[in-house]
Amino acid sequence: MFVPAGFEPPHRLDGNGFRLEPLGPEHNERDYAAWSSSVEHIRASPGYGPKASWPRPMSPDENRADLERHARDFVERTGFTYSVLDPVDDVVGCVYVYPAEDAAHDVHIRSWVRESRAELDASLRRTVADWLTSDVWPFERPLYEPLLG
């Protein structure tokens, strides 16, 4: 089991110049615009890379289906995806919290920000790392690759 029975994940996190809320189909148009304009930037982010299965070409309808899957995962407590929103509710990135694929970690966190908001990346990563190791979450051995450089 990824999280204990009865665990209630947080539905909001406020950061410096951004906030997180659960990703859902209501974010489709803004999410699609954010990632599709930033594919190379995302692939250069820790946890992705040129051989990553995403980002990949998708239609807006395929993106909506992907967002619906992430929303189901959240409800079923099998993974938690958050949209990163700026103060005017534009999507500037995402945070993915899913089970780790190795025995050394209990959770794997990945995040990205759109290229035009790259200045938020370090702050987002620090805020999320602190949040996911706080007593709000049940994780003890997170994997969240650091920014290089």
N, C-alpha and C. Protein backbone atom coordinates (compact mmCIF):
# COMPACT_ATOMS: atom_id res chain seq x y z
N MET A 1 0.85 -1.18 0.00
CA MET A 1 0.00 0.00 0.00
C MET A 1 0.89 1.24 0.00
N PHE A 2 0.57 2.18 -0.85
CA PHE A 2 1.37 3.39 -1.02
C PHE A 2 1.27 4.32 0.19
N VAL A 3 0.07 4.57 0.66
CA VAL A 3 -0.16 5.40 1.85
C VAL A 3 -1.08 4.62 2.80
N PRO A 4 -1.02 4.92 4.08
CA PRO A 4 -1.87 4.20 5.03
C PRO A 4 -3.36 4.41 4.76
N ALA A 5 -4.16 3.42 5.11
CA ALA A 5 -5.62 3.54 4.99
C ALA A 5 -6.05 4.77 5.79
N GLY A 6 -6.95 5.53 5.22
CA GLY A 6 -7.47 6.71 5.89
C GLY A 6 -6.62 7.96 5.72
N PHE A 7 -5.46 7.84 5.05
CA PHE A 7 -4.62 9.01 4.84
C PHE A 7 -5.35 10.02 3.97
N GLU A 8 -5.35 11.27 4.41
CA GLU A 8 -5.96 12.35 3.64
C GLU A 8 -4.85 13.27 3.13
N PRO A 9 -4.59 13.25 1.83
CA PRO A 9 -3.53 14.10 1.29
C PRO A 9 -3.94 15.57 1.34
N PRO A 10 -2.97 16.44 1.49
CA PRO A 10 -3.28 17.87 1.46
C PRO A 10 -3.80 18.27 0.09
N HIS A 11 -4.69 19.24 0.09
CA HIS A 11 -5.27 19.72 -1.17
C HIS A 11 -4.74 21.08 -1.59
N ARG A 12 -3.77 21.58 -0.84
CA ARG A 12 -3.20 22.88 -1.22
C ARG A 12 -1.86 23.05 -0.51
N LEU A 13 -0.97 23.70 -1.22
CA LEU A 13 0.30 24.13 -0.64
C LEU A 13 0.60 25.49 -1.24
N ASP A 14 0.85 26.46 -0.39
CA ASP A 14 1.21 27.80 -0.85
C ASP A 14 2.72 27.97 -0.78
N GLY A 15 3.30 28.40 -1.88
CA GLY A 15 4.73 28.65 -1.94
C GLY A 15 4.98 30.10 -2.28
N ASN A 16 6.23 30.43 -2.54
CA ASN A 16 6.62 31.79 -2.87
C ASN A 16 6.37 32.04 -4.35
N GLY A 17 5.22 32.63 -4.68
CA GLY A 17 4.88 32.93 -6.06
C GLY A 17 4.12 31.82 -6.77
N PHE A 18 3.70 30.80 -6.03
CA PHE A 18 2.94 29.69 -6.62
C PHE A 18 2.13 28.98 -5.54
N ARG A 19 1.20 28.18 -6.00
CA ARG A 19 0.46 27.29 -5.10
C ARG A 19 0.23 25.97 -5.81
N LEU A 20 0.07 24.92 -5.04
CA LEU A 20 -0.24 23.61 -5.58
C LEU A 20 -1.67 23.25 -5.24
N GLU A 21 -2.35 22.65 -6.20
CA GLU A 21 -3.67 22.08 -5.97
C GLU A 21 -3.77 20.82 -6.81
N PRO A 22 -4.62 19.87 -6.41
CA PRO A 22 -4.72 18.63 -7.17
C PRO A 22 -5.01 18.89 -8.65
N LEU A 23 -4.26 18.20 -9.50
CA LEU A 23 -4.43 18.31 -10.95
C LEU A 23 -5.71 17.61 -11.37
N GLY A 24 -6.42 18.22 -12.27
CA GLY A 24 -7.64 17.61 -12.78
C GLY A 24 -7.95 18.11 -14.17
N PRO A 25 -9.01 17.59 -14.78
CA PRO A 25 -9.34 17.97 -16.15
C PRO A 25 -9.68 19.46 -16.31
N GLU A 26 -10.02 20.12 -15.22
CA GLU A 26 -10.30 21.56 -15.31
C GLU A 26 -9.05 22.35 -15.66
N HIS A 27 -7.88 21.75 -15.52
CA HIS A 27 -6.62 22.40 -15.86
C HIS A 27 -6.18 22.12 -17.30
N ASN A 28 -6.96 21.36 -18.05
CA ASN A 28 -6.48 20.82 -19.33
C ASN A 28 -5.88 21.86 -20.27
N GLU A 29 -6.62 22.90 -20.59
CA GLU A 29 -6.12 23.86 -21.57
C GLU A 29 -4.84 24.54 -21.08
N ARG A 30 -4.82 24.96 -19.83
CA ARG A 30 -3.65 25.64 -19.28
C ARG A 30 -2.47 24.68 -19.11
N ASP A 31 -2.75 23.45 -18.69
CA ASP A 31 -1.70 22.43 -18.54
C ASP A 31 -1.07 22.11 -19.89
N TYR A 32 -1.92 21.88 -20.89
CA TYR A 32 -1.44 21.56 -22.23
C TYR A 32 -0.54 22.67 -22.76
N ALA A 33 -0.97 23.92 -22.59
CA ALA A 33 -0.17 25.06 -23.06
C ALA A 33 1.17 25.11 -22.33
N ALA A 34 1.16 24.80 -21.04
CA ALA A 34 2.39 24.88 -20.24
C ALA A 34 3.41 23.85 -20.68
N TRP A 35 3.03 22.58 -20.69
CA TRP A 35 4.04 21.56 -21.00
C TRP A 35 4.39 21.52 -22.48
N SER A 36 3.42 21.74 -23.36
CA SER A 36 3.72 21.62 -24.79
C SER A 36 4.63 22.75 -25.29
N SER A 37 4.70 23.84 -24.54
CA SER A 37 5.61 24.94 -24.90
C SER A 37 6.99 24.77 -24.26
N SER A 38 7.17 23.69 -23.50
CA SER A 38 8.38 23.56 -22.70
C SER A 38 8.98 22.16 -22.72
N VAL A 39 8.78 21.41 -23.78
CA VAL A 39 9.20 20.01 -23.84
C VAL A 39 10.69 19.86 -23.57
N GLU A 40 11.53 20.61 -24.24
CA GLU A 40 12.98 20.47 -24.04
C GLU A 40 13.39 20.88 -22.63
N HIS A 41 12.76 21.91 -22.10
CA HIS A 41 13.06 22.34 -20.73
C HIS A 41 12.68 21.25 -19.73
N ILE A 42 11.53 20.63 -19.92
CA ILE A 42 11.10 19.54 -19.03
C ILE A 42 12.07 18.37 -19.13
N ARG A 43 12.44 17.99 -20.33
CA ARG A 43 13.36 16.86 -20.51
C ARG A 43 14.72 17.13 -19.87
N ALA A 44 15.07 18.39 -19.70
CA ALA A 44 16.33 18.74 -19.05
C ALA A 44 16.19 18.79 -17.52
N SER A 45 14.98 18.62 -17.02
CA SER A 45 14.73 18.66 -15.58
C SER A 45 15.06 17.32 -14.94
N PRO A 46 15.54 17.33 -13.69
CA PRO A 46 15.83 16.08 -13.00
C PRO A 46 14.62 15.15 -12.97
N GLY A 47 14.86 13.86 -13.26
CA GLY A 47 13.78 12.88 -13.25
C GLY A 47 13.17 12.62 -14.62
N TYR A 48 13.57 13.37 -15.62
CA TYR A 48 13.05 13.19 -16.98
C TYR A 48 14.18 12.70 -17.87
N GLY A 49 14.54 13.46 -18.87
CA GLY A 49 15.62 13.06 -19.76
C GLY A 49 15.11 12.73 -21.13
N PRO A 50 16.04 12.54 -22.08
CA PRO A 50 15.64 12.33 -23.48
C PRO A 50 14.91 11.01 -23.71
N LYS A 51 15.07 10.03 -22.83
CA LYS A 51 14.41 8.73 -23.02
C LYS A 51 13.14 8.58 -22.18
N ALA A 52 12.74 9.63 -21.50
CA ALA A 52 11.53 9.59 -20.68
C ALA A 52 10.30 9.36 -21.57
N SER A 53 9.32 8.67 -21.03
CA SER A 53 8.10 8.39 -21.80
C SER A 53 7.21 9.62 -21.94
N TRP A 54 7.47 10.63 -21.16
CA TRP A 54 6.75 11.89 -21.23
C TRP A 54 7.73 13.01 -20.94
N PRO A 55 7.61 14.16 -21.54
CA PRO A 55 6.55 14.57 -22.46
C PRO A 55 6.71 13.97 -23.84
N ARG A 56 5.58 13.73 -24.44
CA ARG A 56 5.52 13.18 -25.79
C ARG A 56 4.37 13.89 -26.51
N PRO A 57 4.36 13.85 -27.83
CA PRO A 57 3.25 14.50 -28.55
C PRO A 57 1.90 13.92 -28.13
N MET A 58 0.98 14.79 -27.80
CA MET A 58 -0.37 14.41 -27.42
C MET A 58 -1.33 15.48 -27.90
N SER A 59 -2.54 15.07 -28.18
CA SER A 59 -3.59 16.03 -28.51
C SER A 59 -4.17 16.58 -27.20
N PRO A 60 -4.88 17.69 -27.26
CA PRO A 60 -5.55 18.18 -26.06
C PRO A 60 -6.50 17.14 -25.44
N ASP A 61 -7.16 16.35 -26.27
CA ASP A 61 -8.05 15.30 -25.74
C ASP A 61 -7.26 14.21 -25.02
N GLU A 62 -6.10 13.83 -25.56
CA GLU A 62 -5.25 12.84 -24.88
C GLU A 62 -4.73 13.41 -23.57
N ASN A 63 -4.41 14.70 -23.58
CA ASN A 63 -3.96 15.34 -22.35
C ASN A 63 -5.06 15.31 -21.29
N ARG A 64 -6.31 15.61 -21.70
CA ARG A 64 -7.44 15.58 -20.76
C ARG A 64 -7.56 14.17 -20.16
N ALA A 65 -7.45 13.14 -20.97
CA ALA A 65 -7.54 11.76 -20.47
C ALA A 65 -6.43 11.49 -19.47
N ASP A 66 -5.24 12.01 -19.72
CA ASP A 66 -4.12 11.85 -18.79
C ASP A 66 -4.42 12.57 -17.47
N LEU A 67 -4.97 13.76 -17.53
CA LEU A 67 -5.33 14.50 -16.33
C LEU A 67 -6.43 13.78 -15.55
N GLU A 68 -7.37 13.18 -16.26
CA GLU A 68 -8.43 12.41 -15.60
C GLU A 68 -7.84 11.20 -14.88
N ARG A 69 -6.84 10.56 -15.49
CA ARG A 69 -6.17 9.42 -14.85
C ARG A 69 -5.47 9.86 -13.57
N HIS A 70 -4.76 10.98 -13.64
CA HIS A 70 -4.09 11.50 -12.45
C HIS A 70 -5.10 11.85 -11.35
N ALA A 71 -6.24 12.41 -11.73
CA ALA A 71 -7.28 12.74 -10.74
C ALA A 71 -7.82 11.46 -10.09
N ARG A 72 -8.00 10.39 -10.87
CA ARG A 72 -8.44 9.11 -10.29
C ARG A 72 -7.40 8.56 -9.32
N ASP A 73 -6.13 8.64 -9.72
CA ASP A 73 -5.06 8.19 -8.82
C ASP A 73 -5.14 8.92 -7.49
N PHE A 74 -5.41 10.21 -7.52
CA PHE A 74 -5.49 11.01 -6.30
C PHE A 74 -6.64 10.50 -5.43
N VAL A 75 -7.80 10.32 -6.03
CA VAL A 75 -8.97 9.83 -5.27
C VAL A 75 -8.71 8.44 -4.70
N GLU A 76 -8.06 7.59 -5.49
CA GLU A 76 -7.79 6.21 -5.07
C GLU A 76 -6.54 6.09 -4.18
N ARG A 77 -5.84 7.20 -3.98
CA ARG A 77 -4.64 7.25 -3.14
C ARG A 77 -3.50 6.37 -3.66
N THR A 78 -3.42 6.25 -5.00
CA THR A 78 -2.32 5.48 -5.61
C THR A 78 -1.22 6.39 -6.15
N GLY A 79 -1.45 7.67 -6.15
CA GLY A 79 -0.50 8.68 -6.59
C GLY A 79 -1.14 10.04 -6.44
N PHE A 80 -0.30 11.06 -6.35
CA PHE A 80 -0.82 12.41 -6.12
C PHE A 80 -0.13 13.37 -7.07
N THR A 81 -0.91 13.98 -7.95
CA THR A 81 -0.37 14.94 -8.90
C THR A 81 -0.98 16.30 -8.60
N TYR A 82 -0.10 17.27 -8.54
CA TYR A 82 -0.51 18.64 -8.24
C TYR A 82 -0.17 19.55 -9.40
N SER A 83 -1.10 20.43 -9.73
CA SER A 83 -0.84 21.49 -10.68
C SER A 83 -0.17 22.63 -9.92
N VAL A 84 0.84 23.22 -10.53
CA VAL A 84 1.51 24.38 -9.96
C VAL A 84 0.91 25.60 -10.64
N LEU A 85 0.29 26.45 -9.85
CA LEU A 85 -0.40 27.62 -10.37
C LEU A 85 0.27 28.90 -9.88
N ASP A 86 0.30 29.90 -10.75
CA ASP A 86 0.83 31.20 -10.32
C ASP A 86 -0.31 32.02 -9.71
N PRO A 87 -0.06 33.23 -9.25
CA PRO A 87 -1.11 34.02 -8.58
C PRO A 87 -2.33 34.34 -9.43
N VAL A 88 -2.22 34.26 -10.76
CA VAL A 88 -3.39 34.52 -11.60
C VAL A 88 -4.00 33.23 -12.14
N ASP A 89 -3.67 32.10 -11.51
CA ASP A 89 -4.21 30.78 -11.85
C ASP A 89 -3.72 30.20 -13.17
N ASP A 90 -2.62 30.70 -13.69
CA ASP A 90 -2.05 30.08 -14.87
C ASP A 90 -1.24 28.87 -14.42
N VAL A 91 -1.30 27.78 -15.19
CA VAL A 91 -0.51 26.59 -14.88
C VAL A 91 0.93 26.87 -15.27
N VAL A 92 1.82 26.69 -14.30
CA VAL A 92 3.24 26.90 -14.57
C VAL A 92 4.04 25.62 -14.36
N GLY A 93 3.38 24.52 -14.00
CA GLY A 93 4.09 23.27 -13.82
C GLY A 93 3.25 22.22 -13.13
N CYS A 94 3.92 21.12 -12.78
CA CYS A 94 3.25 20.00 -12.09
C CYS A 94 4.23 19.35 -11.12
N VAL A 95 3.66 18.71 -10.11
CA VAL A 95 4.41 17.89 -9.16
C VAL A 95 3.73 16.53 -9.11
N TYR A 96 4.52 15.47 -9.27
CA TYR A 96 4.03 14.09 -9.26
C TYR A 96 4.58 13.37 -8.04
N VAL A 97 3.72 12.75 -7.26
CA VAL A 97 4.10 12.02 -6.05
C VAL A 97 3.57 10.59 -6.22
N TYR A 98 4.46 9.67 -6.56
CA TYR A 98 4.05 8.29 -6.88
C TYR A 98 4.97 7.31 -6.17
N PRO A 99 4.53 6.06 -6.04
CA PRO A 99 5.39 5.06 -5.40
C PRO A 99 6.73 4.94 -6.14
N ALA A 100 7.79 4.75 -5.36
CA ALA A 100 9.11 4.56 -5.94
C ALA A 100 9.18 3.18 -6.59
N GLU A 101 10.04 3.06 -7.57
CA GLU A 101 10.20 1.79 -8.28
C GLU A 101 11.37 0.98 -7.76
N ASP A 102 11.97 1.42 -6.67
CA ASP A 102 13.08 0.68 -6.08
C ASP A 102 12.82 0.49 -4.58
N ALA A 103 13.53 -0.43 -3.97
CA ALA A 103 13.33 -0.74 -2.56
C ALA A 103 13.97 0.29 -1.63
N ALA A 104 14.84 1.12 -2.16
CA ALA A 104 15.54 2.10 -1.33
C ALA A 104 14.67 3.31 -0.97
N HIS A 105 13.60 3.53 -1.72
CA HIS A 105 12.74 4.71 -1.53
C HIS A 105 11.29 4.28 -1.40
N ASP A 106 10.51 5.08 -0.71
CA ASP A 106 9.08 4.77 -0.62
C ASP A 106 8.24 5.65 -1.54
N VAL A 107 8.82 6.73 -2.03
CA VAL A 107 8.09 7.63 -2.92
C VAL A 107 9.08 8.27 -3.90
N HIS A 108 8.60 8.50 -5.11
CA HIS A 108 9.38 9.18 -6.14
C HIS A 108 8.63 10.45 -6.50
N ILE A 109 9.30 11.57 -6.38
CA ILE A 109 8.70 12.86 -6.69
C ILE A 109 9.39 13.40 -7.93
N ARG A 110 8.60 13.89 -8.85
CA ARG A 110 9.12 14.58 -10.03
C ARG A 110 8.35 15.88 -10.15
N SER A 111 9.00 16.88 -10.69
CA SER A 111 8.31 18.15 -10.93
C SER A 111 8.89 18.81 -12.18
N TRP A 112 8.11 19.72 -12.71
CA TRP A 112 8.58 20.52 -13.83
C TRP A 112 7.90 21.88 -13.77
N VAL A 113 8.55 22.84 -14.35
CA VAL A 113 7.95 24.16 -14.56
C VAL A 113 8.12 24.53 -16.02
N ARG A 114 7.21 25.33 -16.51
CA ARG A 114 7.32 25.74 -17.90
C ARG A 114 8.56 26.61 -18.09
N GLU A 115 9.10 26.54 -19.28
CA GLU A 115 10.36 27.23 -19.57
C GLU A 115 10.28 28.72 -19.25
N SER A 116 9.15 29.34 -19.54
CA SER A 116 9.03 30.78 -19.30
C SER A 116 8.97 31.13 -17.82
N ARG A 117 8.87 30.13 -16.95
CA ARG A 117 8.84 30.36 -15.49
C ARG A 117 9.95 29.56 -14.80
N ALA A 118 11.04 29.32 -15.50
CA ALA A 118 12.14 28.52 -14.98
C ALA A 118 12.69 29.05 -13.66
N GLU A 119 12.52 30.33 -13.40
CA GLU A 119 13.02 30.90 -12.14
C GLU A 119 12.31 30.32 -10.92
N LEU A 120 11.16 29.69 -11.11
CA LEU A 120 10.42 29.07 -9.99
C LEU A 120 10.93 27.68 -9.64
N ASP A 121 11.72 27.08 -10.50
CA ASP A 121 12.08 25.68 -10.31
C ASP A 121 12.75 25.40 -8.97
N ALA A 122 13.78 26.15 -8.63
CA ALA A 122 14.52 25.89 -7.38
C ALA A 122 13.62 26.10 -6.16
N SER A 123 12.85 27.16 -6.16
CA SER A 123 11.96 27.43 -5.04
C SER A 123 10.89 26.34 -4.91
N LEU A 124 10.33 25.92 -6.03
CA LEU A 124 9.33 24.85 -6.03
C LEU A 124 9.94 23.58 -5.45
N ARG A 125 11.11 23.21 -5.91
CA ARG A 125 11.75 21.97 -5.45
C ARG A 125 12.06 22.02 -3.95
N ARG A 126 12.56 23.15 -3.46
CA ARG A 126 12.84 23.27 -2.02
C ARG A 126 11.54 23.16 -1.21
N THR A 127 10.51 23.87 -1.65
CA THR A 127 9.24 23.88 -0.94
C THR A 127 8.62 22.48 -0.92
N VAL A 128 8.62 21.81 -2.07
CA VAL A 128 8.03 20.47 -2.15
C VAL A 128 8.86 19.47 -1.34
N ALA A 129 10.17 19.54 -1.41
CA ALA A 129 11.02 18.62 -0.64
C ALA A 129 10.75 18.77 0.85
N ASP A 130 10.66 19.99 1.33
CA ASP A 130 10.37 20.23 2.75
C ASP A 130 8.98 19.71 3.12
N TRP A 131 8.01 19.95 2.26
CA TRP A 131 6.62 19.54 2.49
C TRP A 131 6.50 18.02 2.56
N LEU A 132 7.14 17.33 1.62
CA LEU A 132 6.99 15.87 1.56
C LEU A 132 7.79 15.14 2.63
N THR A 133 8.69 15.83 3.30
CA THR A 133 9.39 15.20 4.41
C THR A 133 8.86 15.70 5.76
N SER A 134 7.79 16.49 5.71
CA SER A 134 7.15 16.95 6.95
C SER A 134 6.20 15.88 7.46
N ASP A 135 5.63 16.12 8.63
CA ASP A 135 4.71 15.12 9.20
C ASP A 135 3.34 15.14 8.53
N VAL A 136 3.16 15.97 7.52
CA VAL A 136 1.91 15.98 6.75
C VAL A 136 1.79 14.71 5.90
N TRP A 137 2.93 14.18 5.47
CA TRP A 137 2.99 13.02 4.59
C TRP A 137 3.58 11.82 5.34
N PRO A 138 3.25 10.60 4.92
CA PRO A 138 3.74 9.41 5.61
C PRO A 138 5.05 8.84 5.06
N PHE A 139 5.79 9.62 4.31
CA PHE A 139 6.97 9.10 3.64
C PHE A 139 8.23 9.26 4.47
N GLU A 140 9.12 8.27 4.37
CA GLU A 140 10.38 8.30 5.11
C GLU A 140 11.61 8.30 4.21
N ARG A 141 11.46 7.79 2.97
CA ARG A 141 12.62 7.65 2.09
C ARG A 141 12.28 8.18 0.69
N PRO A 142 12.11 9.50 0.56
CA PRO A 142 11.74 10.05 -0.74
C PRO A 142 12.91 10.11 -1.72
N LEU A 143 12.59 9.99 -2.99
CA LEU A 143 13.53 10.20 -4.07
C LEU A 143 13.05 11.41 -4.85
N TYR A 144 13.82 12.47 -4.81
CA TYR A 144 13.50 13.71 -5.52
C TYR A 144 14.83 14.25 -5.98
N GLU A 145 15.19 13.97 -7.23
CA GLU A 145 16.50 14.33 -7.74
C GLU A 145 16.74 15.84 -7.65
N PRO A 146 17.94 16.24 -7.22
CA PRO A 146 18.23 17.67 -7.10
C PRO A 146 18.49 18.31 -8.45
N LEU A 147 18.33 19.62 -8.48
CA LEU A 147 18.72 20.36 -9.67
C LEU A 147 20.23 20.30 -9.80
N LEU A 148 20.70 20.23 -11.02
CA LEU A 148 22.14 20.22 -11.27
C LEU A 148 22.62 21.66 -11.46
N GLY A 149 23.84 21.87 -11.07
CA GLY A 149 24.44 23.18 -11.33
C GLY A 149 24.33 24.12 -10.24
